[in-house]
Amino acid sequence: MNYVDEVRIECIVNERNLSSLINATIKAHPYEEVAYDVYKIENKFKNAGIGRLGKLKEPESFKDFTRKIKDRLGIDGFKWLYKKD
């Protein structure tokens, strides 16, 4: 039996982007099998993004962090909000 640290990610995503999100998650996941659940939310919030919340092992600049995200997900860009310290 192996024990590993896990990270739980929750997000709201439009149905049209769901398969892209799942595929990117599977591609970026370090193990063979990704555990994920999909719940349909019946509301009128149509401008949802795919937000993330996490904890970095080491401090790094926001610019470097976003560059890593774009490289890892294979995307050209995304929108973000953050609190300046």
C-alpha atoms as a PDB file:
ATOM      1  CA  MET A   1       0.000   0.000   0.000  1.00  0.00           C
ATOM      2  CA  ASN A   2       1.283   3.468  -0.897  1.00  0.00           C
ATOM      3  CA  TYR A   3       0.412   6.766   0.724  1.00  0.00           C
ATOM      4  CA  VAL A   4       0.762   9.968  -1.280  1.00  0.00           C
ATOM      5  CA  ASP A   5      -0.169  13.590  -0.736  1.00  0.00           C
ATOM      6  CA  GLU A   6      -3.223  14.614  -2.705  1.00  0.00           C
ATOM      7  CA  VAL A   7      -4.627  17.960  -3.771  1.00  0.00           C
ATOM      8  CA  ARG A   8      -8.324  18.553  -4.250  1.00  0.00           C
ATOM      9  CA  ILE A   9      -9.322  21.050  -6.928  1.00  0.00           C
ATOM     10  CA  GLU A  10     -12.867  22.331  -7.316  1.00  0.00           C
ATOM     11  CA  CYS A  11     -14.071  24.560 -10.119  1.00  0.00           C
ATOM     12  CA  ILE A  12     -17.113  25.732 -11.990  1.00  0.00           C
ATOM     13  CA  VAL A  13     -16.850  25.301 -15.737  1.00  0.00           C
ATOM     14  CA  ASN A  14     -19.248  25.790 -18.622  1.00  0.00           C
ATOM     15  CA  GLU A  15     -20.439  22.576 -20.214  1.00  0.00           C
ATOM     16  CA  ARG A  16     -18.746  23.530 -23.489  1.00  0.00           C
ATOM     17  CA  ASN A  17     -15.349  23.596 -21.685  1.00  0.00           C
ATOM     18  CA  LEU A  18     -15.826  20.486 -19.539  1.00  0.00           C
ATOM     19  CA  SER A  19     -14.090  17.975 -21.797  1.00  0.00           C
ATOM     20  CA  SER A  20     -11.112  20.319 -22.277  1.00  0.00           C
ATOM     21  CA  LEU A  21     -10.779  20.706 -18.511  1.00  0.00           C
ATOM     22  CA  ILE A  22     -10.957  16.947 -17.922  1.00  0.00           C
ATOM     23  CA  ASN A  23      -8.427  16.238 -20.692  1.00  0.00           C
ATOM     24  CA  ALA A  24      -5.991  18.876 -19.368  1.00  0.00           C
ATOM     25  CA  THR A  25      -6.333  17.471 -15.848  1.00  0.00           C
ATOM     26  CA  ILE A  26      -5.629  13.928 -17.038  1.00  0.00           C
ATOM     27  CA  LYS A  27      -2.646  15.124 -19.092  1.00  0.00           C
ATOM     28  CA  ALA A  28      -1.152  17.065 -16.147  1.00  0.00           C
ATOM     29  CA  HIS A  29      -1.840  14.400 -13.502  1.00  0.00           C
ATOM     30  CA  PRO A  30       1.309  12.615 -12.286  1.00  0.00           C
ATOM     31  CA  TYR A  31      -0.306   9.172 -11.870  1.00  0.00           C
ATOM     32  CA  GLU A  32      -2.057   6.726 -14.185  1.00  0.00           C
ATOM     33  CA  GLU A  33      -5.584   7.312 -12.930  1.00  0.00           C
ATOM     34  CA  VAL A  34      -7.265  10.616 -12.090  1.00  0.00           C
ATOM     35  CA  ALA A  35     -10.097  10.634  -9.559  1.00  0.00           C
ATOM     36  CA  TYR A  36     -12.695  13.250 -10.466  1.00  0.00           C
ATOM     37  CA  ASP A  37     -16.402  13.907 -10.084  1.00  0.00           C
ATOM     38  CA  VAL A  38     -18.652  16.095 -12.229  1.00  0.00           C
ATOM     39  CA  TYR A  39     -21.783  17.677 -10.792  1.00  0.00           C
ATOM     40  CA  LYS A  40     -24.227  19.598 -12.937  1.00  0.00           C
ATOM     41  CA  ILE A  41     -25.249  22.904 -11.356  1.00  0.00           C
ATOM     42  CA  GLU A  42     -28.650  24.125 -12.470  1.00  0.00           C
ATOM     43  CA  ASN A  43     -28.263  27.894 -12.257  1.00  0.00           C
ATOM     44  CA  LYS A  44     -27.903  30.840 -14.593  1.00  0.00           C
ATOM     45  CA  PHE A  45     -24.237  31.619 -13.898  1.00  0.00           C
ATOM     46  CA  LYS A  46     -23.056  31.367 -17.504  1.00  0.00           C
ATOM     47  CA  ASN A  47     -19.753  33.259 -17.289  1.00  0.00           C
ATOM     48  CA  ALA A  48     -17.987  30.808 -14.999  1.00  0.00           C
ATOM     49  CA  GLY A  49     -14.297  30.128 -15.316  1.00  0.00           C
ATOM     50  CA  ILE A  50     -12.212  27.229 -14.137  1.00  0.00           C
ATOM     51  CA  GLY A  51     -10.858  28.675 -10.899  1.00  0.00           C
ATOM     52  CA  ARG A  52      -8.062  27.108  -8.891  1.00  0.00           C
ATOM     53  CA  LEU A  53      -6.941  27.236  -5.280  1.00  0.00           C
ATOM     54  CA  GLY A  54      -3.752  25.672  -4.034  1.00  0.00           C
ATOM     55  CA  LYS A  55      -0.572  25.974  -2.024  1.00  0.00           C
ATOM     56  CA  LEU A  56       2.884  26.328  -3.587  1.00  0.00           C
ATOM     57  CA  LYS A  57       5.856  24.385  -2.256  1.00  0.00           C
ATOM     58  CA  GLU A  58       8.155  27.380  -2.776  1.00  0.00           C
ATOM     59  CA  PRO A  59       7.360  31.098  -3.220  1.00  0.00           C
ATOM     60  CA  GLU A  60       7.532  32.367  -6.796  1.00  0.00           C
ATOM     61  CA  SER A  61       6.439  35.422  -8.727  1.00  0.00           C
ATOM     62  CA  PHE A  62       2.925  35.560 -10.101  1.00  0.00           C
ATOM     63  CA  LYS A  63       4.363  35.942 -13.606  1.00  0.00           C
ATOM     64  CA  ASP A  64       6.448  32.756 -13.276  1.00  0.00           C
ATOM     65  CA  PHE A  65       3.522  30.890 -11.746  1.00  0.00           C
ATOM     66  CA  THR A  66       1.134  31.817 -14.576  1.00  0.00           C
ATOM     67  CA  ARG A  67       3.765  30.886 -17.173  1.00  0.00           C
ATOM     68  CA  LYS A  68       4.020  27.408 -15.610  1.00  0.00           C
ATOM     69  CA  ILE A  69       0.232  27.027 -15.684  1.00  0.00           C
ATOM     70  CA  LYS A  70       0.054  27.969 -19.362  1.00  0.00           C
ATOM     71  CA  ASP A  71       2.902  25.588 -20.237  1.00  0.00           C
ATOM     72  CA  ARG A  72       1.467  22.702 -18.186  1.00  0.00           C
ATOM     73  CA  LEU A  73      -2.057  23.073 -19.599  1.00  0.00           C
ATOM     74  CA  GLY A  74      -0.856  23.794 -23.144  1.00  0.00           C
ATOM     75  CA  ILE A  75      -2.874  27.004 -23.447  1.00  0.00           C
ATOM     76  CA  ASP A  76      -2.046  30.459 -24.818  1.00  0.00           C
ATOM     77  CA  GLY A  77      -3.703  32.483 -22.077  1.00  0.00           C
ATOM     78  CA  PHE A  78      -6.304  32.767 -19.359  1.00  0.00           C
ATOM     79  CA  LYS A  79      -7.891  35.344 -17.075  1.00  0.00           C
ATOM     80  CA  TRP A  80      -6.929  35.650 -13.433  1.00  0.00           C
ATOM     81  CA  LEU A  81      -7.684  37.578 -10.284  1.00  0.00           C
ATOM     82  CA  TYR A  82      -5.285  37.846  -7.399  1.00  0.00           C
ATOM     83  CA  LYS A  83      -4.657  39.885  -4.308  1.00  0.00           C
ATOM     84  CA  LYS A  84      -1.502  41.994  -4.423  1.00  0.00           C
ATOM     85  CA  ASP A  85       0.485  41.862  -1.194  1.00  0.00           C
END
